[in-house]
Amino acid sequence: MLDYKLERDNSISSEGRITGKSKGDLFGLDVSVGLNEMNFSDISFKPIASLRYSHLSVDDYTENGGLDLQVSYENTETLSSEIGLHAQLNNLSPGAWQITPSFKHLNSFST
């Protein structure tokens, strides 16, 4: 959870005093699952999947003074899913470097 607040209080000689306020919240949830490694000869595979949800809420921003700026925001919700496969070579000597390939596919839906 993330909360933030924006406050502006400026004085410009040609415009006078300008003030403005806004605030917002961001909430997110992430759930991931995976199976234990499946071994085939010298290669191990590990399937993975995750689901992410986030909600962003931002209050409208209105300035008093100056140009009387007004900015409207809409709440945003996002749902993302990810599936993937992680592969690893087995039977390497201790301390040896290795390249571990993985494949992931991401879908995202916003409202």
N, C-alpha and C. Protein backbone atom coordinates (compact mmCIF):
# COMPACT_ATOMS: atom_id res chain seq x y z
N MET A 1 0.85 -1.16 0.00
CA MET A 1 0.00 0.00 0.00
C MET A 1 0.90 1.22 0.00
N LEU A 2 0.59 2.15 -0.87
CA LEU A 2 1.34 3.39 -0.99
C LEU A 2 0.36 4.55 -0.93
N ASP A 3 0.58 5.47 -0.02
CA ASP A 3 -0.22 6.70 0.07
C ASP A 3 0.70 7.87 -0.25
N TYR A 4 0.18 8.85 -0.97
CA TYR A 4 0.98 10.04 -1.19
C TYR A 4 0.08 11.27 -1.18
N LYS A 5 0.72 12.41 -0.93
CA LYS A 5 0.01 13.67 -0.85
C LYS A 5 0.83 14.72 -1.60
N LEU A 6 0.16 15.54 -2.39
CA LEU A 6 0.80 16.62 -3.14
C LEU A 6 0.20 17.94 -2.67
N GLU A 7 1.04 18.84 -2.23
CA GLU A 7 0.60 20.18 -1.86
C GLU A 7 1.52 21.19 -2.52
N ARG A 8 0.93 22.22 -3.10
CA ARG A 8 1.69 23.26 -3.77
C ARG A 8 1.30 24.59 -3.18
N ASP A 9 2.29 25.40 -2.85
CA ASP A 9 2.06 26.74 -2.31
C ASP A 9 3.18 27.64 -2.82
N ASN A 10 2.89 28.38 -3.88
CA ASN A 10 3.88 29.25 -4.52
C ASN A 10 3.35 30.67 -4.61
N SER A 11 4.26 31.57 -4.71
CA SER A 11 3.91 32.96 -4.97
C SER A 11 4.66 33.41 -6.21
N ILE A 12 3.93 33.92 -7.18
CA ILE A 12 4.51 34.45 -8.41
C ILE A 12 4.10 35.91 -8.48
N SER A 13 5.06 36.78 -8.72
CA SER A 13 4.79 38.22 -8.66
C SER A 13 3.65 38.63 -9.59
N SER A 14 3.57 38.05 -10.78
CA SER A 14 2.54 38.46 -11.73
C SER A 14 1.20 37.77 -11.47
N GLU A 15 1.19 36.64 -10.76
CA GLU A 15 -0.03 35.87 -10.56
C GLU A 15 -0.53 35.88 -9.12
N GLY A 16 0.33 36.23 -8.19
CA GLY A 16 -0.05 36.17 -6.78
C GLY A 16 0.23 34.79 -6.21
N ARG A 17 -0.50 34.45 -5.17
CA ARG A 17 -0.30 33.17 -4.49
C ARG A 17 -1.08 32.06 -5.22
N ILE A 18 -0.41 30.90 -5.40
CA ILE A 18 -1.01 29.74 -6.05
C ILE A 18 -0.93 28.57 -5.08
N THR A 19 -2.06 27.93 -4.79
CA THR A 19 -2.09 26.75 -3.92
C THR A 19 -2.85 25.62 -4.61
N GLY A 20 -2.48 24.42 -4.29
CA GLY A 20 -3.17 23.26 -4.86
C GLY A 20 -2.90 22.03 -4.03
N LYS A 21 -3.83 21.06 -4.06
CA LYS A 21 -3.70 19.82 -3.30
C LYS A 21 -4.25 18.64 -4.09
N SER A 22 -3.66 17.49 -3.83
CA SER A 22 -4.16 16.22 -4.34
C SER A 22 -3.59 15.12 -3.47
N LYS A 23 -4.21 13.96 -3.50
CA LYS A 23 -3.66 12.81 -2.79
C LYS A 23 -4.08 11.55 -3.54
N GLY A 24 -3.42 10.45 -3.22
CA GLY A 24 -3.74 9.22 -3.91
C GLY A 24 -3.29 8.00 -3.13
N ASP A 25 -3.75 6.84 -3.58
CA ASP A 25 -3.42 5.57 -2.96
C ASP A 25 -3.13 4.55 -4.06
N LEU A 26 -2.16 3.67 -3.79
CA LEU A 26 -1.84 2.56 -4.67
C LEU A 26 -1.83 1.30 -3.83
N PHE A 27 -2.61 0.30 -4.26
CA PHE A 27 -2.68 -0.98 -3.57
C PHE A 27 -2.35 -2.07 -4.57
N GLY A 28 -1.55 -3.03 -4.16
CA GLY A 28 -1.20 -4.13 -5.05
C GLY A 28 -1.15 -5.46 -4.32
N LEU A 29 -1.41 -6.52 -5.04
CA LEU A 29 -1.37 -7.87 -4.51
C LEU A 29 -0.75 -8.77 -5.58
N ASP A 30 0.19 -9.61 -5.17
CA ASP A 30 0.90 -10.49 -6.10
C ASP A 30 0.92 -11.91 -5.51
N VAL A 31 0.45 -12.88 -6.29
CA VAL A 31 0.46 -14.28 -5.87
C VAL A 31 1.21 -15.07 -6.93
N SER A 32 2.20 -15.85 -6.49
CA SER A 32 2.99 -16.67 -7.41
C SER A 32 3.00 -18.11 -6.94
N VAL A 33 3.00 -19.03 -7.90
CA VAL A 33 3.10 -20.45 -7.59
C VAL A 33 4.07 -21.10 -8.57
N GLY A 34 4.65 -22.19 -8.14
CA GLY A 34 5.55 -22.94 -9.00
C GLY A 34 5.64 -24.38 -8.51
N LEU A 35 5.98 -25.27 -9.37
CA LEU A 35 6.16 -26.67 -9.01
C LEU A 35 7.63 -26.93 -8.70
N ASN A 36 7.87 -27.96 -7.92
CA ASN A 36 9.25 -28.37 -7.70
C ASN A 36 9.86 -28.74 -9.05
N GLU A 37 11.16 -28.67 -9.11
CA GLU A 37 11.83 -28.95 -10.38
C GLU A 37 11.54 -30.36 -10.87
N MET A 38 11.30 -30.46 -12.16
CA MET A 38 11.12 -31.76 -12.82
C MET A 38 12.42 -32.08 -13.54
N ASN A 39 13.05 -33.18 -13.18
CA ASN A 39 14.35 -33.54 -13.75
C ASN A 39 14.21 -34.49 -14.92
N PHE A 40 14.87 -34.15 -16.01
CA PHE A 40 14.96 -34.99 -17.19
C PHE A 40 16.42 -35.06 -17.59
N SER A 41 17.06 -36.17 -17.31
CA SER A 41 18.47 -36.36 -17.62
C SER A 41 19.29 -35.25 -16.96
N ASP A 42 19.97 -34.41 -17.71
CA ASP A 42 20.83 -33.37 -17.15
C ASP A 42 20.17 -31.99 -17.11
N ILE A 43 18.87 -31.93 -17.35
CA ILE A 43 18.17 -30.65 -17.37
C ILE A 43 17.00 -30.69 -16.39
N SER A 44 16.85 -29.61 -15.62
CA SER A 44 15.71 -29.47 -14.71
C SER A 44 14.78 -28.38 -15.23
N PHE A 45 13.49 -28.60 -15.12
CA PHE A 45 12.48 -27.61 -15.52
C PHE A 45 11.63 -27.26 -14.32
N LYS A 46 11.24 -26.00 -14.25
CA LYS A 46 10.39 -25.53 -13.16
C LYS A 46 9.31 -24.61 -13.74
N PRO A 47 8.06 -25.09 -13.85
CA PRO A 47 6.98 -24.22 -14.33
C PRO A 47 6.58 -23.22 -13.23
N ILE A 48 6.26 -21.99 -13.66
CA ILE A 48 5.89 -20.94 -12.72
C ILE A 48 4.66 -20.19 -13.26
N ALA A 49 3.90 -19.62 -12.35
CA ALA A 49 2.73 -18.81 -12.73
C ALA A 49 2.51 -17.74 -11.66
N SER A 50 2.01 -16.59 -12.07
CA SER A 50 1.72 -15.54 -11.09
C SER A 50 0.52 -14.73 -11.55
N LEU A 51 -0.10 -14.09 -10.58
CA LEU A 51 -1.25 -13.23 -10.82
C LEU A 51 -1.04 -11.96 -9.99
N ARG A 52 -1.19 -10.80 -10.64
CA ARG A 52 -0.99 -9.51 -9.98
C ARG A 52 -2.22 -8.64 -10.15
N TYR A 53 -2.60 -7.97 -9.06
CA TYR A 53 -3.71 -7.03 -9.09
C TYR A 53 -3.22 -5.72 -8.49
N SER A 54 -3.58 -4.59 -9.12
CA SER A 54 -3.24 -3.28 -8.55
C SER A 54 -4.41 -2.32 -8.76
N HIS A 55 -4.56 -1.42 -7.80
CA HIS A 55 -5.60 -0.40 -7.85
C HIS A 55 -4.96 0.95 -7.52
N LEU A 56 -5.11 1.91 -8.43
CA LEU A 56 -4.58 3.25 -8.24
C LEU A 56 -5.74 4.23 -8.16
N SER A 57 -5.76 5.01 -7.10
CA SER A 57 -6.79 6.02 -6.90
C SER A 57 -6.11 7.36 -6.68
N VAL A 58 -6.43 8.36 -7.51
CA VAL A 58 -5.84 9.69 -7.39
C VAL A 58 -6.97 10.72 -7.37
N ASP A 59 -6.97 11.56 -6.35
CA ASP A 59 -7.97 12.62 -6.27
C ASP A 59 -7.67 13.70 -7.31
N ASP A 60 -8.71 14.41 -7.73
CA ASP A 60 -8.52 15.50 -8.68
C ASP A 60 -7.62 16.58 -8.07
N TYR A 61 -6.86 17.26 -8.93
CA TYR A 61 -5.96 18.33 -8.51
C TYR A 61 -6.56 19.65 -8.96
N THR A 62 -6.71 20.57 -8.03
CA THR A 62 -7.26 21.89 -8.34
C THR A 62 -6.37 22.96 -7.73
N GLU A 63 -5.99 23.93 -8.54
CA GLU A 63 -5.21 25.06 -8.05
C GLU A 63 -6.12 26.24 -7.80
N ASN A 64 -5.79 27.00 -6.79
CA ASN A 64 -6.46 28.27 -6.51
C ASN A 64 -5.45 29.38 -6.79
N GLY A 65 -5.82 30.31 -7.67
CA GLY A 65 -4.91 31.37 -8.07
C GLY A 65 -4.24 31.02 -9.38
N GLY A 66 -3.49 31.95 -9.91
CA GLY A 66 -2.81 31.71 -11.17
C GLY A 66 -3.80 31.44 -12.28
N LEU A 67 -3.67 30.30 -12.93
CA LEU A 67 -4.56 29.92 -14.03
C LEU A 67 -5.73 29.06 -13.54
N ASP A 68 -5.86 28.86 -12.24
CA ASP A 68 -6.91 28.00 -11.68
C ASP A 68 -6.93 26.63 -12.37
N LEU A 69 -5.77 26.02 -12.43
CA LEU A 69 -5.59 24.73 -13.10
C LEU A 69 -6.44 23.66 -12.43
N GLN A 70 -7.09 22.81 -13.24
CA GLN A 70 -7.86 21.68 -12.74
C GLN A 70 -7.49 20.44 -13.56
N VAL A 71 -7.11 19.38 -12.87
CA VAL A 71 -6.73 18.13 -13.52
C VAL A 71 -7.56 17.01 -12.91
N SER A 72 -8.27 16.26 -13.74
CA SER A 72 -9.09 15.15 -13.28
C SER A 72 -8.36 13.83 -13.52
N TYR A 73 -8.51 12.92 -12.60
CA TYR A 73 -7.92 11.60 -12.70
C TYR A 73 -9.01 10.56 -12.59
N GLU A 74 -8.79 9.40 -13.17
CA GLU A 74 -9.69 8.27 -13.04
C GLU A 74 -8.99 7.17 -12.27
N ASN A 75 -9.74 6.43 -11.49
CA ASN A 75 -9.18 5.26 -10.81
C ASN A 75 -8.80 4.23 -11.86
N THR A 76 -7.73 3.50 -11.60
CA THR A 76 -7.25 2.49 -12.54
C THR A 76 -7.06 1.17 -11.81
N GLU A 77 -7.54 0.09 -12.41
CA GLU A 77 -7.31 -1.25 -11.90
C GLU A 77 -6.62 -2.06 -12.97
N THR A 78 -5.64 -2.85 -12.56
CA THR A 78 -4.89 -3.68 -13.50
C THR A 78 -4.81 -5.11 -12.96
N LEU A 79 -5.04 -6.06 -13.84
CA LEU A 79 -4.88 -7.47 -13.52
C LEU A 79 -3.91 -8.07 -14.53
N SER A 80 -2.83 -8.66 -14.03
CA SER A 80 -1.81 -9.25 -14.90
C SER A 80 -1.60 -10.70 -14.54
N SER A 81 -1.42 -11.53 -15.55
CA SER A 81 -1.08 -12.93 -15.31
C SER A 81 0.21 -13.25 -16.05
N GLU A 82 0.97 -14.16 -15.49
CA GLU A 82 2.24 -14.53 -16.09
C GLU A 82 2.44 -16.03 -15.94
N ILE A 83 2.83 -16.68 -17.01
CA ILE A 83 3.20 -18.09 -16.95
C ILE A 83 4.59 -18.23 -17.53
N GLY A 84 5.31 -19.21 -17.06
CA GLY A 84 6.67 -19.35 -17.56
C GLY A 84 7.27 -20.70 -17.26
N LEU A 85 8.47 -20.90 -17.79
CA LEU A 85 9.21 -22.14 -17.60
C LEU A 85 10.67 -21.78 -17.41
N HIS A 86 11.24 -22.28 -16.34
CA HIS A 86 12.64 -22.03 -15.99
C HIS A 86 13.41 -23.33 -16.24
N ALA A 87 14.52 -23.26 -16.94
CA ALA A 87 15.32 -24.46 -17.25
C ALA A 87 16.73 -24.29 -16.68
N GLN A 88 17.29 -25.41 -16.22
CA GLN A 88 18.63 -25.35 -15.61
C GLN A 88 19.39 -26.63 -15.90
N LEU A 89 20.68 -26.51 -16.21
CA LEU A 89 21.53 -27.68 -16.41
C LEU A 89 21.95 -28.24 -15.06
N ASN A 90 21.91 -29.55 -14.93
CA ASN A 90 22.34 -30.22 -13.69
C ASN A 90 23.76 -30.75 -13.84
N ASN A 91 24.29 -31.24 -12.77
CA ASN A 91 25.59 -31.92 -12.75
C ASN A 91 26.74 -31.03 -13.19
N LEU A 92 26.69 -29.76 -12.86
CA LEU A 92 27.83 -28.89 -13.12
C LEU A 92 28.76 -28.94 -11.92
N SER A 93 30.04 -28.69 -12.14
CA SER A 93 30.98 -28.73 -11.03
C SER A 93 30.68 -27.58 -10.07
N PRO A 94 30.95 -27.75 -8.78
CA PRO A 94 30.67 -26.70 -7.79
C PRO A 94 31.37 -25.40 -8.14
N GLY A 95 30.66 -24.31 -8.02
CA GLY A 95 31.22 -23.00 -8.30
C GLY A 95 31.26 -22.63 -9.77
N ALA A 96 30.78 -23.51 -10.65
CA ALA A 96 30.82 -23.24 -12.09
C ALA A 96 29.72 -22.24 -12.47
N TRP A 97 30.01 -21.39 -13.41
CA TRP A 97 29.02 -20.45 -13.93
C TRP A 97 28.10 -21.18 -14.89
N GLN A 98 26.85 -20.73 -14.96
CA GLN A 98 25.93 -21.32 -15.93
C GLN A 98 24.92 -20.29 -16.38
N ILE A 99 24.42 -20.48 -17.58
CA ILE A 99 23.35 -19.64 -18.11
C ILE A 99 22.05 -20.38 -17.87
N THR A 100 21.10 -19.69 -17.26
CA THR A 100 19.82 -20.32 -16.93
C THR A 100 18.72 -19.66 -17.76
N PRO A 101 18.29 -20.29 -18.85
CA PRO A 101 17.25 -19.68 -19.68
C PRO A 101 15.87 -19.83 -19.04
N SER A 102 15.02 -18.87 -19.32
CA SER A 102 13.63 -18.98 -18.88
C SER A 102 12.75 -18.30 -19.93
N PHE A 103 11.52 -18.74 -19.97
CA PHE A 103 10.54 -18.18 -20.90
C PHE A 103 9.35 -17.74 -20.07
N LYS A 104 8.85 -16.51 -20.32
CA LYS A 104 7.68 -16.02 -19.62
C LYS A 104 6.74 -15.35 -20.61
N HIS A 105 5.46 -15.49 -20.36
CA HIS A 105 4.45 -14.82 -21.17
C HIS A 105 3.58 -14.02 -20.22
N LEU A 106 3.37 -12.72 -20.52
CA LEU A 106 2.65 -11.82 -19.64
C LEU A 106 1.40 -11.29 -20.34
N ASN A 107 0.26 -11.37 -19.66
CA ASN A 107 -0.99 -10.76 -20.11
C ASN A 107 -1.39 -9.70 -19.10
N SER A 108 -1.88 -8.57 -19.58
CA SER A 108 -2.28 -7.50 -18.67
C SER A 108 -3.61 -6.93 -19.13
N PHE A 109 -4.50 -6.71 -18.17
CA PHE A 109 -5.82 -6.17 -18.45
C PHE A 109 -6.06 -4.97 -17.54
N SER A 110 -6.47 -3.83 -18.10
CA SER A 110 -6.70 -2.63 -17.32
C SER A 110 -8.14 -2.17 -17.49
N THR A 111 -8.65 -1.54 -16.43
CA THR A 111 -10.00 -0.95 -16.51
C THR A 111 -9.93 0.49 -16.06
